[in-house]
Amino acid sequence: MDLNQQFEQAVTESKELKDRPSNDTLLQLYSLYKQATEGDVNGEAPAMFDFVAKAKYEAWSALQGKTQDEARQEYINLVQKLRN
């Protein structure tokens, strides 16, 4: 199975986890997914008072420069860790 197939499988598995991950872990999953599928963050930062959107934007922005394949692999590893 190639990396893209493993990533797609991990995305599916992330939606079927027994326990809901912590907010920090959800943010990590979100940012790795965005980096893996879209690359470096783009667009303007959300308004200061939109706390959820701002946290997501900042988490994704922190991954700037990470390749999409690196982000895919980290996402896969994190989902595997959460499944155990």
N, C-alpha and C. Protein backbone atom coordinates (compact mmCIF):
# COMPACT_ATOMS: atom_id res chain seq x y z
N MET A 1 0.86 -1.18 0.00
CA MET A 1 0.00 0.00 0.00
C MET A 1 0.90 1.24 0.00
N ASP A 2 0.65 2.16 -0.91
CA ASP A 2 1.49 3.35 -0.95
C ASP A 2 1.05 4.38 0.09
N LEU A 3 1.84 5.43 0.22
CA LEU A 3 1.62 6.43 1.26
C LEU A 3 0.24 7.08 1.14
N ASN A 4 -0.19 7.38 -0.09
CA ASN A 4 -1.51 8.01 -0.27
C ASN A 4 -2.64 7.10 0.17
N GLN A 5 -2.52 5.82 -0.13
CA GLN A 5 -3.55 4.86 0.29
C GLN A 5 -3.56 4.72 1.81
N GLN A 6 -2.36 4.66 2.41
CA GLN A 6 -2.27 4.58 3.86
C GLN A 6 -2.88 5.82 4.52
N PHE A 7 -2.63 6.98 3.90
CA PHE A 7 -3.18 8.23 4.42
C PHE A 7 -4.70 8.22 4.36
N GLU A 8 -5.25 7.82 3.21
CA GLU A 8 -6.71 7.77 3.07
C GLU A 8 -7.32 6.80 4.08
N GLN A 9 -6.65 5.68 4.31
CA GLN A 9 -7.13 4.72 5.30
C GLN A 9 -7.09 5.33 6.70
N ALA A 10 -6.01 6.06 7.00
CA ALA A 10 -5.88 6.70 8.31
C ALA A 10 -6.96 7.76 8.51
N VAL A 11 -7.30 8.49 7.45
CA VAL A 11 -8.37 9.49 7.54
C VAL A 11 -9.69 8.80 7.90
N THR A 12 -9.97 7.69 7.25
CA THR A 12 -11.19 6.93 7.55
C THR A 12 -11.16 6.43 8.99
N GLU A 13 -10.02 5.87 9.40
CA GLU A 13 -9.89 5.33 10.76
C GLU A 13 -10.00 6.43 11.82
N SER A 14 -9.56 7.63 11.49
CA SER A 14 -9.61 8.72 12.47
C SER A 14 -11.05 9.08 12.83
N LYS A 15 -11.97 8.79 11.91
CA LYS A 15 -13.38 9.08 12.15
C LYS A 15 -14.08 7.97 12.92
N GLU A 16 -13.36 6.86 13.13
CA GLU A 16 -13.94 5.69 13.79
C GLU A 16 -13.26 5.37 15.12
N LEU A 17 -12.53 6.33 15.67
CA LEU A 17 -11.83 6.09 16.94
C LEU A 17 -12.83 5.84 18.06
N LYS A 18 -12.49 4.92 18.96
CA LYS A 18 -13.39 4.60 20.08
C LYS A 18 -13.60 5.80 20.99
N ASP A 19 -12.50 6.46 21.34
CA ASP A 19 -12.57 7.61 22.24
C ASP A 19 -12.28 8.88 21.48
N ARG A 20 -12.97 9.95 21.86
CA ARG A 20 -12.73 11.24 21.22
C ARG A 20 -11.39 11.78 21.71
N PRO A 21 -10.49 12.12 20.78
CA PRO A 21 -9.19 12.69 21.19
C PRO A 21 -9.36 14.04 21.88
N SER A 22 -8.33 14.44 22.60
CA SER A 22 -8.33 15.75 23.25
C SER A 22 -8.37 16.84 22.18
N ASN A 23 -8.71 18.05 22.59
CA ASN A 23 -8.74 19.17 21.65
C ASN A 23 -7.37 19.40 21.02
N ASP A 24 -6.29 19.25 21.81
CA ASP A 24 -4.94 19.43 21.26
C ASP A 24 -4.65 18.39 20.18
N THR A 25 -5.06 17.16 20.43
CA THR A 25 -4.84 16.10 19.44
C THR A 25 -5.69 16.33 18.20
N LEU A 26 -6.93 16.77 18.39
CA LEU A 26 -7.78 17.09 17.24
C LEU A 26 -7.16 18.20 16.40
N LEU A 27 -6.58 19.19 17.06
CA LEU A 27 -5.93 20.29 16.37
C LEU A 27 -4.71 19.77 15.59
N GLN A 28 -3.99 18.85 16.18
CA GLN A 28 -2.83 18.26 15.51
C GLN A 28 -3.29 17.45 14.28
N LEU A 29 -4.35 16.67 14.42
CA LEU A 29 -4.89 15.92 13.29
C LEU A 29 -5.32 16.88 12.17
N TYR A 30 -6.02 17.94 12.55
CA TYR A 30 -6.50 18.92 11.58
C TYR A 30 -5.33 19.54 10.81
N SER A 31 -4.33 20.01 11.55
CA SER A 31 -3.22 20.72 10.90
C SER A 31 -2.41 19.77 10.01
N LEU A 32 -2.20 18.54 10.46
CA LEU A 32 -1.48 17.58 9.62
C LEU A 32 -2.28 17.24 8.36
N TYR A 33 -3.60 17.11 8.52
CA TYR A 33 -4.46 16.83 7.37
C TYR A 33 -4.37 17.98 6.36
N LYS A 34 -4.49 19.20 6.82
CA LYS A 34 -4.44 20.36 5.92
C LYS A 34 -3.09 20.45 5.22
N GLN A 35 -2.01 20.22 5.98
CA GLN A 35 -0.67 20.28 5.39
C GLN A 35 -0.50 19.17 4.36
N ALA A 36 -1.03 17.99 4.66
CA ALA A 36 -0.91 16.85 3.77
C ALA A 36 -1.72 17.03 2.49
N THR A 37 -2.86 17.68 2.59
CA THR A 37 -3.74 17.80 1.43
C THR A 37 -3.59 19.11 0.66
N GLU A 38 -3.18 20.17 1.35
CA GLU A 38 -3.10 21.48 0.68
C GLU A 38 -1.72 22.10 0.68
N GLY A 39 -0.81 21.58 1.51
CA GLY A 39 0.52 22.19 1.60
C GLY A 39 0.51 23.33 2.59
N ASP A 40 1.46 24.24 2.44
CA ASP A 40 1.59 25.36 3.38
C ASP A 40 0.32 26.20 3.46
N VAL A 41 0.10 26.75 4.66
CA VAL A 41 -1.08 27.56 4.92
C VAL A 41 -1.18 28.71 3.92
N ASN A 42 -2.40 29.03 3.54
CA ASN A 42 -2.62 30.14 2.61
C ASN A 42 -3.81 30.95 3.11
N GLY A 43 -3.95 32.13 2.57
CA GLY A 43 -5.05 32.99 2.99
C GLY A 43 -4.68 33.79 4.22
N GLU A 44 -5.58 34.64 4.61
CA GLU A 44 -5.33 35.52 5.75
C GLU A 44 -5.77 34.85 7.04
N ALA A 45 -5.11 35.22 8.12
CA ALA A 45 -5.47 34.69 9.43
C ALA A 45 -6.88 35.16 9.79
N PRO A 46 -7.64 34.30 10.46
CA PRO A 46 -8.99 34.68 10.87
C PRO A 46 -8.98 35.80 11.91
N ALA A 47 -10.13 36.37 12.12
CA ALA A 47 -10.27 37.44 13.10
C ALA A 47 -9.84 36.97 14.49
N MET A 48 -9.33 37.90 15.27
CA MET A 48 -8.79 37.59 16.58
C MET A 48 -9.82 36.93 17.50
N PHE A 49 -11.09 37.27 17.35
CA PHE A 49 -12.11 36.76 18.27
C PHE A 49 -12.76 35.46 17.79
N ASP A 50 -12.33 34.97 16.63
CA ASP A 50 -12.80 33.66 16.17
C ASP A 50 -11.76 32.65 16.66
N PHE A 51 -11.88 32.28 17.92
CA PHE A 51 -10.84 31.52 18.60
C PHE A 51 -10.57 30.15 17.97
N VAL A 52 -11.61 29.44 17.58
CA VAL A 52 -11.43 28.12 17.00
C VAL A 52 -10.71 28.22 15.65
N ALA A 53 -11.19 29.09 14.79
CA ALA A 53 -10.57 29.26 13.48
C ALA A 53 -9.13 29.74 13.62
N LYS A 54 -8.90 30.63 14.57
CA LYS A 54 -7.54 31.15 14.79
C LYS A 54 -6.61 30.04 15.27
N ALA A 55 -7.09 29.19 16.17
CA ALA A 55 -6.27 28.07 16.67
C ALA A 55 -5.94 27.11 15.53
N LYS A 56 -6.92 26.82 14.69
CA LYS A 56 -6.69 25.93 13.55
C LYS A 56 -5.67 26.53 12.59
N TYR A 57 -5.83 27.82 12.29
CA TYR A 57 -4.92 28.50 11.38
C TYR A 57 -3.50 28.50 11.93
N GLU A 58 -3.35 28.78 13.20
CA GLU A 58 -2.02 28.84 13.82
C GLU A 58 -1.37 27.46 13.87
N ALA A 59 -2.16 26.42 14.14
CA ALA A 59 -1.62 25.05 14.16
C ALA A 59 -1.13 24.65 12.77
N TRP A 60 -1.92 24.98 11.75
CA TRP A 60 -1.53 24.67 10.38
C TRP A 60 -0.31 25.48 9.99
N SER A 61 -0.30 26.76 10.35
CA SER A 61 0.80 27.65 10.02
C SER A 61 2.12 27.16 10.64
N ALA A 62 2.04 26.53 11.80
CA ALA A 62 3.24 26.03 12.48
C ALA A 62 3.92 24.91 11.69
N LEU A 63 3.21 24.31 10.75
CA LEU A 63 3.77 23.23 9.94
C LEU A 63 4.39 23.73 8.64
N GLN A 64 4.46 25.04 8.48
CA GLN A 64 5.01 25.65 7.27
C GLN A 64 6.35 25.01 6.92
N GLY A 65 6.50 24.59 5.67
CA GLY A 65 7.76 24.01 5.19
C GLY A 65 7.79 22.49 5.27
N LYS A 66 6.90 21.89 6.03
CA LYS A 66 6.83 20.42 6.10
C LYS A 66 6.25 19.93 4.78
N THR A 67 6.87 18.91 4.20
CA THR A 67 6.36 18.40 2.92
C THR A 67 5.03 17.70 3.14
N GLN A 68 4.27 17.57 2.06
CA GLN A 68 2.98 16.90 2.15
C GLN A 68 3.17 15.43 2.53
N ASP A 69 4.22 14.79 2.02
CA ASP A 69 4.47 13.40 2.38
C ASP A 69 4.84 13.25 3.85
N GLU A 70 5.63 14.18 4.38
CA GLU A 70 5.97 14.14 5.81
C GLU A 70 4.71 14.28 6.66
N ALA A 71 3.84 15.21 6.25
CA ALA A 71 2.59 15.42 6.99
C ALA A 71 1.69 14.18 6.90
N ARG A 72 1.64 13.56 5.74
CA ARG A 72 0.84 12.33 5.59
C ARG A 72 1.35 11.24 6.55
N GLN A 73 2.68 11.06 6.57
CA GLN A 73 3.26 10.03 7.42
C GLN A 73 3.01 10.32 8.90
N GLU A 74 3.14 11.57 9.31
CA GLU A 74 2.89 11.94 10.71
C GLU A 74 1.41 11.73 11.07
N TYR A 75 0.53 12.03 10.14
CA TYR A 75 -0.90 11.82 10.37
C TYR A 75 -1.17 10.32 10.57
N ILE A 76 -0.61 9.50 9.68
CA ILE A 76 -0.77 8.05 9.78
C ILE A 76 -0.26 7.56 11.14
N ASN A 77 0.92 8.00 11.52
CA ASN A 77 1.51 7.58 12.81
C ASN A 77 0.64 7.99 13.98
N LEU A 78 0.10 9.19 13.94
CA LEU A 78 -0.73 9.68 15.04
C LEU A 78 -2.03 8.87 15.14
N VAL A 79 -2.65 8.59 14.02
CA VAL A 79 -3.89 7.79 14.04
C VAL A 79 -3.60 6.39 14.56
N GLN A 80 -2.49 5.80 14.14
CA GLN A 80 -2.12 4.47 14.64
C GLN A 80 -1.92 4.51 16.16
N LYS A 81 -1.29 5.54 16.65
CA LYS A 81 -1.07 5.69 18.10
C LYS A 81 -2.41 5.83 18.83
N LEU A 82 -3.33 6.58 18.25
CA LEU A 82 -4.64 6.79 18.88
C LEU A 82 -5.50 5.51 18.87
N ARG A 83 -5.26 4.65 17.90
CA ARG A 83 -6.02 3.41 17.80
C ARG A 83 -5.59 2.39 18.85
N ASN A 84 -4.37 2.50 19.33
CA ASN A 84 -3.84 1.53 20.30
C ASN A 84 -4.17 1.88 21.73
